[in-house]
Amino acid sequence: MLRELVAQCAVYLQREKKYDFCPYSAERISEKDSAYLLGFSPDVDVNFAVGALEFRWMEWNGYEASYSLEWVWVHPFFRGQGVLKKIWPHFESAYGKFHVSYPRSGAMVAFLASMKFEERFPQS
């Protein structure tokens, strides 16, 4: 059930960005990969999902293997409200120095700058 909800968010991302393929499948299961539903709780008694994201374990050429934040989608009504910012420290703790996949939206670039995100791979 939860994987299907994450997959639906991935479909919304695919449609919004006009990607050729969906970035997530509920059927694709890997022990090292993790997907999350993003919640929003304006009131202690109310919780609901407003987005999703996925981390994948990656083997890189010339670099140590690590996690990569592959995609994030937040419902347009909840963007800019700190949904990702609230849980970002958890991801830094859980995944260490991870990569953030491309392409990156302007909002993601600004978010990473605000979080003082250190790039996993040096830019040449």
PDB file of N, CA and C in Angstrom:
ATOM      1  N   MET A   1       0.817  -1.201   0.000  1.00  0.00           N
ATOM      2  CA  MET A   1       0.000   0.000   0.000  1.00  0.00           C
ATOM      3  C   MET A   1       0.861   1.267   0.000  1.00  0.00           C
ATOM      4  N   LEU A   2       1.843   1.331   0.912  1.00  0.00           N
ATOM      5  CA  LEU A   2       2.681   2.534   0.976  1.00  0.00           C
ATOM      6  C   LEU A   2       3.513   2.709  -0.286  1.00  0.00           C
ATOM      7  N   ARG A   3       4.018   1.611  -0.830  1.00  0.00           N
ATOM      8  CA  ARG A   3       4.801   1.702  -2.074  1.00  0.00           C
ATOM      9  C   ARG A   3       3.957   2.260  -3.215  1.00  0.00           C
ATOM     10  N   GLU A   4       2.693   1.891  -3.246  1.00  0.00           N
ATOM     11  CA  GLU A   4       1.802   2.393  -4.297  1.00  0.00           C
ATOM     12  C   GLU A   4       1.586   3.904  -4.142  1.00  0.00           C
ATOM     13  N   LEU A   5       1.526   4.384  -2.903  1.00  0.00           N
ATOM     14  CA  LEU A   5       1.382   5.829  -2.676  1.00  0.00           C
ATOM     15  C   LEU A   5       2.636   6.578  -3.130  1.00  0.00           C
ATOM     16  N   VAL A   6       3.808   6.017  -2.836  1.00  0.00           N
ATOM     17  CA  VAL A   6       5.054   6.618  -3.310  1.00  0.00           C
ATOM     18  C   VAL A   6       5.069   6.602  -4.836  1.00  0.00           C
ATOM     19  N   ALA A   7       4.670   5.485  -5.428  1.00  0.00           N
ATOM     20  CA  ALA A   7       4.636   5.370  -6.892  1.00  0.00           C
ATOM     21  C   ALA A   7       3.695   6.403  -7.503  1.00  0.00           C
ATOM     22  N   GLN A   8       2.574   6.680  -6.857  1.00  0.00           N
ATOM     23  CA  GLN A   8       1.645   7.687  -7.387  1.00  0.00           C
ATOM     24  C   GLN A   8       2.295   9.066  -7.378  1.00  0.00           C
ATOM     25  N   CYS A   9       3.043   9.383  -6.339  1.00  0.00           N
ATOM     26  CA  CYS A   9       3.768  10.660  -6.310  1.00  0.00           C
ATOM     27  C   CYS A   9       4.801  10.715  -7.427  1.00  0.00           C
ATOM     28  N   ALA A  10       5.458   9.591  -7.700  1.00  0.00           N
ATOM     29  CA  ALA A  10       6.422   9.540  -8.795  1.00  0.00           C
ATOM     30  C   ALA A  10       5.743   9.783 -10.137  1.00  0.00           C
ATOM     31  N   VAL A  11       4.537   9.278 -10.299  1.00  0.00           N
ATOM     32  CA  VAL A  11       3.769   9.530 -11.522  1.00  0.00           C
ATOM     33  C   VAL A  11       3.457  11.020 -11.648  1.00  0.00           C
ATOM     34  N   TYR A  12       3.085  11.663 -10.536  1.00  0.00           N
ATOM     35  CA  TYR A  12       2.819  13.104 -10.568  1.00  0.00           C
ATOM     36  C   TYR A  12       4.069  13.872 -10.991  1.00  0.00           C
ATOM     37  N   LEU A  13       5.236  13.442 -10.472  1.00  0.00           N
ATOM     38  CA  LEU A  13       6.499  14.081 -10.866  1.00  0.00           C
ATOM     39  C   LEU A  13       6.742  13.891 -12.361  1.00  0.00           C
ATOM     40  N   GLN A  14       6.546  12.676 -12.838  1.00  0.00           N
ATOM     41  CA  GLN A  14       6.744  12.384 -14.264  1.00  0.00           C
ATOM     42  C   GLN A  14       5.868  13.280 -15.129  1.00  0.00           C
ATOM     43  N   ARG A  15       4.613  13.419 -14.755  1.00  0.00           N
ATOM     44  CA  ARG A  15       3.690  14.251 -15.535  1.00  0.00           C
ATOM     45  C   ARG A  15       4.076  15.723 -15.475  1.00  0.00           C
ATOM     46  N   GLU A  16       4.396  16.196 -14.273  1.00  0.00           N
ATOM     47  CA  GLU A  16       4.730  17.608 -14.100  1.00  0.00           C
ATOM     48  C   GLU A  16       5.974  17.996 -14.881  1.00  0.00           C
ATOM     49  N   LYS A  17       6.994  17.144 -14.841  1.00  0.00           N
ATOM     50  CA  LYS A  17       8.271  17.441 -15.501  1.00  0.00           C
ATOM     51  C   LYS A  17       8.346  16.900 -16.924  1.00  0.00           C
ATOM     52  N   LYS A  18       7.286  16.199 -17.344  1.00  0.00           N
ATOM     53  CA  LYS A  18       7.223  15.619 -18.691  1.00  0.00           C
ATOM     54  C   LYS A  18       8.378  14.649 -18.957  1.00  0.00           C
ATOM     55  N   TYR A  19       8.717  13.841 -17.935  1.00  0.00           N
ATOM     56  CA  TYR A  19       9.741  12.817 -18.093  1.00  0.00           C
ATOM     57  C   TYR A  19       9.219  11.703 -18.994  1.00  0.00           C
ATOM     58  N   ASP A  20      10.124  11.036 -19.695  1.00  0.00           N
ATOM     59  CA  ASP A  20       9.763   9.913 -20.557  1.00  0.00           C
ATOM     60  C   ASP A  20       9.384   8.673 -19.757  1.00  0.00           C
ATOM     61  N   PHE A  21       9.871   8.569 -18.534  1.00  0.00           N
ATOM     62  CA  PHE A  21       9.626   7.387 -17.712  1.00  0.00           C
ATOM     63  C   PHE A  21       9.348   7.810 -16.278  1.00  0.00           C
ATOM     64  N   CYS A  22       8.713   6.932 -15.547  1.00  0.00           N
ATOM     65  CA  CYS A  22       8.420   7.179 -14.141  1.00  0.00           C
ATOM     66  C   CYS A  22       9.667   6.820 -13.318  1.00  0.00           C
ATOM     67  N   PRO A  23      10.088   7.674 -12.380  1.00  0.00           N
ATOM     68  CA  PRO A  23      11.329   7.418 -11.650  1.00  0.00           C
ATOM     69  C   PRO A  23      11.232   6.355 -10.561  1.00  0.00           C
ATOM     70  N   TYR A  24      10.042   5.796 -10.328  1.00  0.00           N
ATOM     71  CA  TYR A  24       9.888   4.823  -9.235  1.00  0.00           C
ATOM     72  C   TYR A  24       8.834   3.802  -9.618  1.00  0.00           C
ATOM     73  N   SER A  25       9.056   2.571  -9.190  1.00  0.00           N
ATOM     74  CA  SER A  25       8.081   1.508  -9.381  1.00  0.00           C
ATOM     75  C   SER A  25       7.875   0.804  -8.053  1.00  0.00           C
ATOM     76  N   ALA A  26       6.644   0.581  -7.679  1.00  0.00           N
ATOM     77  CA  ALA A  26       6.334  -0.119  -6.430  1.00  0.00           C
ATOM     78  C   ALA A  26       6.817  -1.563  -6.470  1.00  0.00           C
ATOM     79  N   GLU A  27       7.015  -2.104  -7.666  1.00  0.00           N
ATOM     80  CA  GLU A  27       7.468  -3.491  -7.809  1.00  0.00           C
ATOM     81  C   GLU A  27       8.984  -3.632  -7.664  1.00  0.00           C
ATOM     82  N   ARG A  28       9.724  -2.549  -7.886  1.00  0.00           N
ATOM     83  CA  ARG A  28      11.185  -2.606  -7.803  1.00  0.00           C
ATOM     84  C   ARG A  28      11.577  -2.545  -6.332  1.00  0.00           C
ATOM     85  N   ILE A  29      12.111  -3.648  -5.829  1.00  0.00           N
ATOM     86  CA  ILE A  29      12.472  -3.711  -4.417  1.00  0.00           C
ATOM     87  C   ILE A  29      13.963  -4.017  -4.297  1.00  0.00           C
ATOM     88  N   SER A  30      14.652  -3.200  -3.542  1.00  0.00           N
ATOM     89  CA  SER A  30      16.058  -3.412  -3.259  1.00  0.00           C
ATOM     90  C   SER A  30      16.268  -3.196  -1.765  1.00  0.00           C
ATOM     91  N   GLU A  31      17.057  -4.059  -1.155  1.00  0.00           N
ATOM     92  CA  GLU A  31      17.306  -3.945   0.282  1.00  0.00           C
ATOM     93  C   GLU A  31      18.025  -2.651   0.648  1.00  0.00           C
ATOM     94  N   LYS A  32      18.789  -2.101  -0.263  1.00  0.00           N
ATOM     95  CA  LYS A  32      19.567  -0.902   0.045  1.00  0.00           C
ATOM     96  C   LYS A  32      18.845   0.396  -0.299  1.00  0.00           C
ATOM     97  N   ASP A  33      17.782   0.334  -1.066  1.00  0.00           N
ATOM     98  CA  ASP A  33      17.059   1.541  -1.465  1.00  0.00           C
ATOM     99  C   ASP A  33      15.938   1.837  -0.468  1.00  0.00           C
ATOM    100  N   SER A  34      15.591   3.116  -0.353  1.00  0.00           N
ATOM    101  CA  SER A  34      14.532   3.528   0.566  1.00  0.00           C
ATOM    102  C   SER A  34      13.664   4.587  -0.086  1.00  0.00           C
ATOM    103  N   ALA A  35      12.365   4.463   0.103  1.00  0.00           N
ATOM    104  CA  ALA A  35      11.427   5.472  -0.373  1.00  0.00           C
ATOM    105  C   ALA A  35      10.641   5.976   0.829  1.00  0.00           C
ATOM    106  N   TYR A  36      10.281   7.252   0.785  1.00  0.00           N
ATOM    107  CA  TYR A  36       9.589   7.889   1.900  1.00  0.00           C
ATOM    108  C   TYR A  36       8.362   8.632   1.400  1.00  0.00           C
ATOM    109  N   LEU A  37       7.308   8.560   2.181  1.00  0.00           N
ATOM    110  CA  LEU A  37       6.179   9.458   2.003  1.00  0.00           C
ATOM    111  C   LEU A  37       6.458  10.668   2.877  1.00  0.00           C
ATOM    112  N   LEU A  38       6.236  11.849   2.349  1.00  0.00           N
ATOM    113  CA  LEU A  38       6.436  13.072   3.117  1.00  0.00           C
ATOM    114  C   LEU A  38       5.108  13.492   3.713  1.00  0.00           C
ATOM    115  N   GLY A  39       5.103  13.747   5.005  1.00  0.00           N
ATOM    116  CA  GLY A  39       3.874  14.111   5.689  1.00  0.00           C
ATOM    117  C   GLY A  39       3.834  15.572   6.064  1.00  0.00           C
ATOM    118  N   PHE A  40       2.658  16.014   6.336  1.00  0.00           N
ATOM    119  CA  PHE A  40       2.444  17.392   6.762  1.00  0.00           C
ATOM    120  C   PHE A  40       1.468  17.338   7.917  1.00  0.00           C
ATOM    121  N   SER A  41       1.807  17.980   9.012  1.00  0.00           N
ATOM    122  CA  SER A  41       0.949  17.945  10.179  1.00  0.00           C
ATOM    123  C   SER A  41       0.721  19.361  10.700  1.00  0.00           C
ATOM    124  N   PRO A  42      -0.261  20.073  10.134  1.00  0.00           N
ATOM    125  CA  PRO A  42      -0.544  21.414  10.627  1.00  0.00           C
ATOM    126  C   PRO A  42      -1.178  21.380  12.009  1.00  0.00           C
ATOM    127  N   ASP A  43      -1.711  20.239  12.378  1.00  0.00           N
ATOM    128  CA  ASP A  43      -2.394  20.036  13.648  1.00  0.00           C
ATOM    129  C   ASP A  43      -1.952  18.666  14.153  1.00  0.00           C
ATOM    130  N   VAL A  44      -1.778  18.524  15.433  1.00  0.00           N
ATOM    131  CA  VAL A  44      -1.299  17.258  15.991  1.00  0.00           C
ATOM    132  C   VAL A  44      -2.197  16.095  15.590  1.00  0.00           C
ATOM    133  N   ASP A  45      -3.485  16.342  15.433  1.00  0.00           N
ATOM    134  CA  ASP A  45      -4.425  15.267  15.127  1.00  0.00           C
ATOM    135  C   ASP A  45      -4.567  14.961  13.639  1.00  0.00           C
ATOM    136  N   VAL A  46      -3.889  15.712  12.790  1.00  0.00           N
ATOM    137  CA  VAL A  46      -4.067  15.542  11.352  1.00  0.00           C
ATOM    138  C   VAL A  46      -2.717  15.249  10.704  1.00  0.00           C
ATOM    139  N   ASN A  47      -2.620  14.135  10.034  1.00  0.00           N
ATOM    140  CA  ASN A  47      -1.412  13.764   9.301  1.00  0.00           C
ATOM    141  C   ASN A  47      -1.820  13.222   7.943  1.00  0.00           C
ATOM    142  N   PHE A  48      -1.147  13.662   6.911  1.00  0.00           N
ATOM    143  CA  PHE A  48      -1.415  13.123   5.590  1.00  0.00           C
ATOM    144  C   PHE A  48      -0.183  13.320   4.720  1.00  0.00           C
ATOM    145  N   ALA A  49      -0.082  12.510   3.681  1.00  0.00           N
ATOM    146  CA  ALA A  49       1.070  12.568   2.786  1.00  0.00           C
ATOM    147  C   ALA A  49       0.909  13.709   1.795  1.00  0.00           C
ATOM    148  N   VAL A  50       2.000  14.453   1.601  1.00  0.00           N
ATOM    149  CA  VAL A  50       1.985  15.558   0.649  1.00  0.00           C
ATOM    150  C   VAL A  50       3.081  15.410  -0.397  1.00  0.00           C
ATOM    151  N   GLY A  51       3.792  14.301  -0.362  1.00  0.00           N
ATOM    152  CA  GLY A  51       4.854  14.081  -1.331  1.00  0.00           C
ATOM    153  C   GLY A  51       5.606  12.807  -1.021  1.00  0.00           C
ATOM    154  N   ALA A  52       6.673  12.591  -1.781  1.00  0.00           N
ATOM    155  CA  ALA A  52       7.493  11.395  -1.605  1.00  0.00           C
ATOM    156  C   ALA A  52       8.880  11.651  -2.172  1.00  0.00           C
ATOM    157  N   LEU A  53       9.801  10.761  -1.831  1.00  0.00           N
ATOM    158  CA  LEU A  53      11.160  10.810  -2.367  1.00  0.00           C
ATOM    159  C   LEU A  53      11.773   9.434  -2.281  1.00  0.00           C
ATOM    160  N   GLU A  54      12.917   9.285  -2.955  1.00  0.00           N
ATOM    161  CA  GLU A  54      13.600   7.991  -2.959  1.00  0.00           C
ATOM    162  C   GLU A  54      15.109   8.168  -2.894  1.00  0.00           C
ATOM    163  N   PHE A  55      15.731   7.334  -2.046  1.00  0.00           N
ATOM    164  CA  PHE A  55      17.186   7.193  -2.006  1.00  0.00           C
ATOM    165  C   PHE A  55      17.544   5.851  -2.612  1.00  0.00           C
ATOM    166  N   ARG A  56      18.579   5.847  -3.451  1.00  0.00           N
ATOM    167  CA  ARG A  56      19.080   4.593  -4.039  1.00  0.00           C
ATOM    168  C   ARG A  56      20.564   4.452  -3.734  1.00  0.00           C
ATOM    169  N   TRP A  57      20.963   3.214  -3.515  1.00  0.00           N
ATOM    170  CA  TRP A  57      22.370   2.888  -3.339  1.00  0.00           C
ATOM    171  C   TRP A  57      23.001   2.834  -4.718  1.00  0.00           C
ATOM    172  N   MET A  58      24.086   3.579  -4.905  1.00  0.00           N
ATOM    173  CA  MET A  58      24.710   3.682  -6.215  1.00  0.00           C
ATOM    174  C   MET A  58      26.176   3.268  -6.162  1.00  0.00           C
ATOM    175  N   GLU A  59      26.600   2.582  -7.199  1.00  0.00           N
ATOM    176  CA  GLU A  59      28.013   2.244  -7.409  1.00  0.00           C
ATOM    177  C   GLU A  59      28.527   3.223  -8.464  1.00  0.00           C
ATOM    178  N   TRP A  60      29.472   4.053  -8.074  1.00  0.00           N
ATOM    179  CA  TRP A  60      29.959   5.117  -8.957  1.00  0.00           C
ATOM    180  C   TRP A  60      31.295   4.733  -9.581  1.00  0.00           C
ATOM    181  N   ASN A  61      31.540   5.182 -10.799  1.00  0.00           N
ATOM    182  CA  ASN A  61      32.846   5.011 -11.429  1.00  0.00           C
ATOM    183  C   ASN A  61      33.811   6.029 -10.851  1.00  0.00           C
ATOM    184  N   GLY A  62      34.865   5.557 -10.235  1.00  0.00           N
ATOM    185  CA  GLY A  62      35.897   6.447  -9.717  1.00  0.00           C
ATOM    186  C   GLY A  62      35.600   7.055  -8.363  1.00  0.00           C
ATOM    187  N   TYR A  63      34.477   6.713  -7.754  1.00  0.00           N
ATOM    188  CA  TYR A  63      34.118   7.242  -6.439  1.00  0.00           C
ATOM    189  C   TYR A  63      33.592   6.108  -5.565  1.00  0.00           C
ATOM    190  N   GLU A  64      33.670   6.317  -4.278  1.00  0.00           N
ATOM    191  CA  GLU A  64      33.148   5.346  -3.329  1.00  0.00           C
ATOM    192  C   GLU A  64      31.620   5.248  -3.481  1.00  0.00           C
ATOM    193  N   ALA A  65      31.099   4.051  -3.374  1.00  0.00           N
ATOM    194  CA  ALA A  65      29.653   3.838  -3.458  1.00  0.00           C
ATOM    195  C   ALA A  65      28.963   4.642  -2.361  1.00  0.00           C
ATOM    196  N   SER A  66      27.760   5.122  -2.663  1.00  0.00           N
ATOM    197  CA  SER A  66      27.022   5.921  -1.688  1.00  0.00           C
ATOM    198  C   SER A  66      25.556   5.981  -2.089  1.00  0.00           C
ATOM    199  N   TYR A  67      24.791   6.624  -1.240  1.00  0.00           N
ATOM    200  CA  TYR A  67      23.383   6.853  -1.564  1.00  0.00           C
ATOM    201  C   TYR A  67      23.216   8.086  -2.428  1.00  0.00           C
ATOM    202  N   SER A  68      22.129   8.072  -3.194  1.00  0.00           N
ATOM    203  CA  SER A  68      21.769   9.203  -4.029  1.00  0.00           C
ATOM    204  C   SER A  68      20.288   9.499  -3.812  1.00  0.00           C
ATOM    205  N   LEU A  69      19.988  10.747  -3.529  1.00  0.00           N
ATOM    206  CA  LEU A  69      18.594  11.184  -3.486  1.00  0.00           C
ATOM    207  C   LEU A  69      18.178  11.330  -4.937  1.00  0.00           C
ATOM    208  N   GLU A  70      17.371  10.401  -5.409  1.00  0.00           N
ATOM    209  CA  GLU A  70      17.072  10.313  -6.831  1.00  0.00           C
ATOM    210  C   GLU A  70      15.974  11.260  -7.280  1.00  0.00           C
ATOM    211  N   TRP A  71      14.972  11.444  -6.472  1.00  0.00           N
ATOM    212  CA  TRP A  71      13.884  12.335  -6.848  1.00  0.00           C
ATOM    213  C   TRP A  71      13.095  12.738  -5.611  1.00  0.00           C
ATOM    214  N   VAL A  72      12.469  13.892  -5.711  1.00  0.00           N
ATOM    215  CA  VAL A  72      11.584  14.411  -4.666  1.00  0.00           C
ATOM    216  C   VAL A  72      10.394  15.045  -5.369  1.00  0.00           C
ATOM    217  N   TRP A  73       9.220  14.776  -4.866  1.00  0.00           N
ATOM    218  CA  TRP A  73       8.031  15.474  -5.349  1.00  0.00           C
ATOM    219  C   TRP A  73       7.202  15.886  -4.147  1.00  0.00           C
ATOM    220  N   VAL A  74       6.855  17.169  -4.093  1.00  0.00           N
ATOM    221  CA  VAL A  74       5.974  17.709  -3.062  1.00  0.00           C
ATOM    222  C   VAL A  74       4.783  18.340  -3.774  1.00  0.00           C
ATOM    223  N   HIS A  75       3.597  18.077  -3.268  1.00  0.00           N
ATOM    224  CA  HIS A  75       2.388  18.638  -3.862  1.00  0.00           C
ATOM    225  C   HIS A  75       2.524  20.160  -3.936  1.00  0.00           C
ATOM    226  N   PRO A  76       2.111  20.768  -5.041  1.00  0.00           N
ATOM    227  CA  PRO A  76       2.261  22.224  -5.205  1.00  0.00           C
ATOM    228  C   PRO A  76       1.668  23.054  -4.058  1.00  0.00           C
ATOM    229  N   PHE A  77       0.603  22.602  -3.428  1.00  0.00           N
ATOM    230  CA  PHE A  77      -0.004  23.359  -2.328  1.00  0.00           C
ATOM    231  C   PHE A  77       0.903  23.434  -1.104  1.00  0.00           C
ATOM    232  N   PHE A  78       1.882  22.512  -1.003  1.00  0.00           N
ATOM    233  CA  PHE A  78       2.727  22.431   0.185  1.00  0.00           C
ATOM    234  C   PHE A  78       4.184  22.801  -0.060  1.00  0.00           C
ATOM    235  N   ARG A  79       4.500  23.213  -1.276  1.00  0.00           N
ATOM    236  CA  ARG A  79       5.874  23.628  -1.572  1.00  0.00           C
ATOM    237  C   ARG A  79       6.189  24.932  -0.851  1.00  0.00           C
ATOM    238  N   GLY A  80       7.434  25.057  -0.411  1.00  0.00           N
ATOM    239  CA  GLY A  80       7.861  26.268   0.264  1.00  0.00           C
ATOM    240  C   GLY A  80       7.392  26.369   1.704  1.00  0.00           C
ATOM    241  N   GLN A  81       6.876  25.274   2.265  1.00  0.00           N
ATOM    242  CA  GLN A  81       6.386  25.293   3.637  1.00  0.00           C
ATOM    243  C   GLN A  81       7.270  24.495   4.593  1.00  0.00           C
ATOM    244  N   GLY A  82       8.458  24.121   4.149  1.00  0.00           N
ATOM    245  CA  GLY A  82       9.403  23.444   5.035  1.00  0.00           C
ATOM    246  C   GLY A  82       9.206  21.954   5.198  1.00  0.00           C
ATOM    247  N   VAL A  83       8.440  21.338   4.306  1.00  0.00           N
ATOM    248  CA  VAL A  83       8.179  19.903   4.410  1.00  0.00           C
ATOM    249  C   VAL A  83       9.492  19.118   4.352  1.00  0.00           C
ATOM    250  N   LEU A  84      10.334  19.400   3.369  1.00  0.00           N
ATOM    251  CA  LEU A  84      11.610  18.694   3.220  1.00  0.00           C
ATOM    252  C   LEU A  84      12.626  19.172   4.255  1.00  0.00           C
ATOM    253  N   LYS A  85      12.613  20.448   4.553  1.00  0.00           N
ATOM    254  CA  LYS A  85      13.569  21.017   5.506  1.00  0.00           C
ATOM    255  C   LYS A  85      13.458  20.365   6.886  1.00  0.00           C
ATOM    256  N   LYS A  86      12.246  20.051   7.316  1.00  0.00           N
ATOM    257  CA  LYS A  86      12.040  19.458   8.639  1.00  0.00           C
ATOM    258  C   LYS A  86      12.695  18.092   8.777  1.00  0.00           C
ATOM    259  N   ILE A  87      12.713  17.318   7.697  1.00  0.00           N
ATOM    260  CA  ILE A  87      13.261  15.963   7.801  1.00  0.00           C
ATOM    261  C   ILE A  87      14.668  15.834   7.218  1.00  0.00           C
ATOM    262  N   TRP A  88      15.200  16.904   6.649  1.00  0.00           N
ATOM    263  CA  TRP A  88      16.534  16.865   6.046  1.00  0.00           C
ATOM    264  C   TRP A  88      17.605  16.370   7.020  1.00  0.00           C
ATOM    265  N   PRO A  89      17.615  16.840   8.288  1.00  0.00           N
ATOM    266  CA  PRO A  89      18.639  16.336   9.227  1.00  0.00           C
ATOM    267  C   PRO A  89      18.586  14.814   9.400  1.00  0.00           C
ATOM    268  N   HIS A  90      17.401  14.236   9.339  1.00  0.00           N
ATOM    269  CA  HIS A  90      17.291  12.773   9.418  1.00  0.00           C
ATOM    270  C   HIS A  90      18.025  12.120   8.250  1.00  0.00           C
ATOM    271  N   PHE A  91      17.833  12.656   7.058  1.00  0.00           N
ATOM    272  CA  PHE A  91      18.489  12.077   5.880  1.00  0.00           C
ATOM    273  C   PHE A  91      20.005  12.226   5.965  1.00  0.00           C
ATOM    274  N   GLU A  92      20.481  13.367   6.434  1.00  0.00           N
ATOM    275  CA  GLU A  92      21.929  13.559   6.593  1.00  0.00           C
ATOM    276  C   GLU A  92      22.498  12.563   7.602  1.00  0.00           C
ATOM    277  N   SER A  93      21.755  12.307   8.652  1.00  0.00           N
ATOM    278  CA  SER A  93      22.195  11.347   9.662  1.00  0.00           C
ATOM    279  C   SER A  93      22.141   9.916   9.135  1.00  0.00           C
ATOM    280  N   ALA A  94      21.071   9.584   8.455  1.00  0.00           N
ATOM    281  CA  ALA A  94      20.872   8.213   7.976  1.00  0.00           C
ATOM    282  C   ALA A  94      21.756   7.848   6.790  1.00  0.00           C
ATOM    283  N   TYR A  95      22.019   8.805   5.886  1.00  0.00           N
ATOM    284  CA  TYR A  95      22.696   8.485   4.628  1.00  0.00           C
ATOM    285  C   TYR A  95      24.078   9.103   4.490  1.00  0.00           C
ATOM    286  N   GLY A  96      24.517   9.852   5.481  1.00  0.00           N
ATOM    287  CA  GLY A  96      25.842  10.452   5.409  1.00  0.00           C
ATOM    288  C   GLY A  96      25.942  11.449   4.274  1.00  0.00           C
ATOM    289  N   LYS A  97      27.095  11.463   3.637  1.00  0.00           N
ATOM    290  CA  LYS A  97      27.308  12.384   2.513  1.00  0.00           C
ATOM    291  C   LYS A  97      26.761  11.729   1.244  1.00  0.00           C
ATOM    292  N   PHE A  98      25.570  12.119   0.869  1.00  0.00           N
ATOM    293  CA  PHE A  98      24.899  11.514  -0.277  1.00  0.00           C
ATOM    294  C   PHE A  98      24.901  12.478  -1.460  1.00  0.00           C
ATOM    295  N   HIS A  99      24.593  11.939  -2.602  1.00  0.00           N
ATOM    296  CA  HIS A  99      24.485  12.693  -3.846  1.00  0.00           C
ATOM    297  C   HIS A  99      23.031  13.113  -4.035  1.00  0.00           C
ATOM    298  N   VAL A 100      22.795  14.221  -4.702  1.00  0.00           N
ATOM    299  CA  VAL A 100      21.450  14.607  -5.128  1.00  0.00           C
ATOM    300  C   VAL A 100      21.459  14.573  -6.649  1.00  0.00           C
ATOM    301  N   SER A 101      20.606  13.732  -7.189  1.00  0.00           N
ATOM    302  CA  SER A 101      20.582  13.466  -8.617  1.00  0.00           C
ATOM    303  C   SER A 101      20.167  14.688  -9.442  1.00  0.00           C
ATOM    304  N   TYR A 102      20.535  14.643 -10.700  1.00  0.00           N
ATOM    305  CA  TYR A 102      20.132  15.648 -11.692  1.00  0.00           C
ATOM    306  C   TYR A 102      19.058  15.043 -12.582  1.00  0.00           C
ATOM    307  N   PRO A 103      18.243  15.837 -13.217  1.00  0.00           N
ATOM    308  CA  PRO A 103      18.217  17.296 -13.187  1.00  0.00           C
ATOM    309  C   PRO A 103      17.630  17.801 -11.868  1.00  0.00           C
ATOM    310  N   ARG A 104      18.044  19.000 -11.494  1.00  0.00           N
ATOM    311  CA  ARG A 104      17.556  19.638 -10.274  1.00  0.00           C
ATOM    312  C   ARG A 104      16.729  20.858 -10.664  1.00  0.00           C
ATOM    313  N   SER A 105      15.581  20.976 -10.061  1.00  0.00           N
ATOM    314  CA  SER A 105      14.742  22.150 -10.320  1.00  0.00           C
ATOM    315  C   SER A 105      15.389  23.374  -9.676  1.00  0.00           C
ATOM    316  N   GLY A 106      14.952  24.544 -10.094  1.00  0.00           N
ATOM    317  CA  GLY A 106      15.433  25.774  -9.474  1.00  0.00           C
ATOM    318  C   GLY A 106      15.137  25.792  -7.987  1.00  0.00           C
ATOM    319  N   ALA A 107      13.968  25.272  -7.607  1.00  0.00           N
ATOM    320  CA  ALA A 107      13.610  25.215  -6.189  1.00  0.00           C
ATOM    321  C   ALA A 107      14.553  24.294  -5.423  1.00  0.00           C
ATOM    322  N   MET A 108      14.956  23.158  -6.031  1.00  0.00           N
ATOM    323  CA  MET A 108      15.876  22.243  -5.357  1.00  0.00           C
ATOM    324  C   MET A 108      17.258  22.864  -5.231  1.00  0.00           C
ATOM    325  N   VAL A 109      17.709  23.557  -6.258  1.00  0.00           N
ATOM    326  CA  VAL A 109      19.007  24.237  -6.198  1.00  0.00           C
ATOM    327  C   VAL A 109      19.002  25.247  -5.056  1.00  0.00           C
ATOM    328  N   ALA A 110      17.940  26.029  -4.953  1.00  0.00           N
ATOM    329  CA  ALA A 110      17.832  27.020  -3.872  1.00  0.00           C
ATOM    330  C   ALA A 110      17.747  26.338  -2.512  1.00  0.00           C
ATOM    331  N   PHE A 111      16.997  25.242  -2.433  1.00  0.00           N
ATOM    332  CA  PHE A 111      16.885  24.514  -1.178  1.00  0.00           C
ATOM    333  C   PHE A 111      18.244  23.988  -0.739  1.00  0.00           C
ATOM    334  N   LEU A 112      18.979  23.353  -1.649  1.00  0.00           N
ATOM    335  CA  LEU A 112      20.295  22.804  -1.299  1.00  0.00           C
ATOM    336  C   LEU A 112      21.238  23.901  -0.837  1.00  0.00           C
ATOM    337  N   ALA A 113      21.193  25.052  -1.476  1.00  0.00           N
ATOM    338  CA  ALA A 113      22.029  26.184  -1.049  1.00  0.00           C
ATOM    339  C   ALA A 113      21.634  26.626   0.359  1.00  0.00           C
ATOM    340  N   SER A 114      20.342  26.687   0.642  1.00  0.00           N
ATOM    341  CA  SER A 114      19.888  27.114   1.970  1.00  0.00           C
ATOM    342  C   SER A 114      20.287  26.121   3.056  1.00  0.00           C
ATOM    343  N   MET A 115      20.422  24.861   2.691  1.00  0.00           N
ATOM    344  CA  MET A 115      20.822  23.824   3.638  1.00  0.00           C
ATOM    345  C   MET A 115      22.343  23.650   3.683  1.00  0.00           C
ATOM    346  N   LYS A 116      23.057  24.472   2.912  1.00  0.00           N
ATOM    347  CA  LYS A 116      24.518  24.388   2.825  1.00  0.00           C
ATOM    348  C   LYS A 116      24.975  22.966   2.467  1.00  0.00           C
ATOM    349  N   PHE A 117      24.270  22.411   1.495  1.00  0.00           N
ATOM    350  CA  PHE A 117      24.545  21.065   1.024  1.00  0.00           C
ATOM    351  C   PHE A 117      25.913  21.010   0.364  1.00  0.00           C
ATOM    352  N   GLU A 118      26.719  20.044   0.749  1.00  0.00           N
ATOM    353  CA  GLU A 118      28.037  19.836   0.130  1.00  0.00           C
ATOM    354  C   GLU A 118      27.913  18.800  -0.970  1.00  0.00           C
ATOM    355  N   GLU A 119      28.327  19.166  -2.156  1.00  0.00           N
ATOM    356  CA  GLU A 119      28.255  18.236  -3.294  1.00  0.00           C
ATOM    357  C   GLU A 119      29.109  17.005  -3.016  1.00  0.00           C
ATOM    358  N   ARG A 120      28.556  15.874  -3.369  1.00  0.00           N
ATOM    359  CA  ARG A 120      29.249  14.589  -3.174  1.00  0.00           C
ATOM    360  C   ARG A 120      30.432  14.462  -4.119  1.00  0.00           C
ATOM    361  N   PHE A 121      30.266  14.945  -5.330  1.00  0.00           N
ATOM    362  CA  PHE A 121      31.308  14.830  -6.334  1.00  0.00           C
ATOM    363  C   PHE A 121      31.814  16.216  -6.700  1.00  0.00           C
ATOM    364  N   PRO A 122      33.117  16.389  -6.772  1.00  0.00           N
ATOM    365  CA  PRO A 122      33.634  17.714  -7.163  1.00  0.00           C
ATOM    366  C   PRO A 122      33.253  18.054  -8.589  1.00  0.00           C
ATOM    367  N   GLN A 123      32.928  19.315  -8.799  1.00  0.00           N
ATOM    368  CA  GLN A 123      32.615  19.786 -10.148  1.00  0.00           C
ATOM    369  C   GLN A 123      33.929  20.054 -10.881  1.00  0.00           C
ATOM    370  N   SER A 124      34.001  19.607 -12.139  1.00  0.00           N
ATOM    371  CA  SER A 124      35.249  19.832 -12.884  1.00  0.00           C
ATOM    372  C   SER A 124      35.149  21.041 -13.761  1.00  0.00           C
TER     373      SER A 124
END
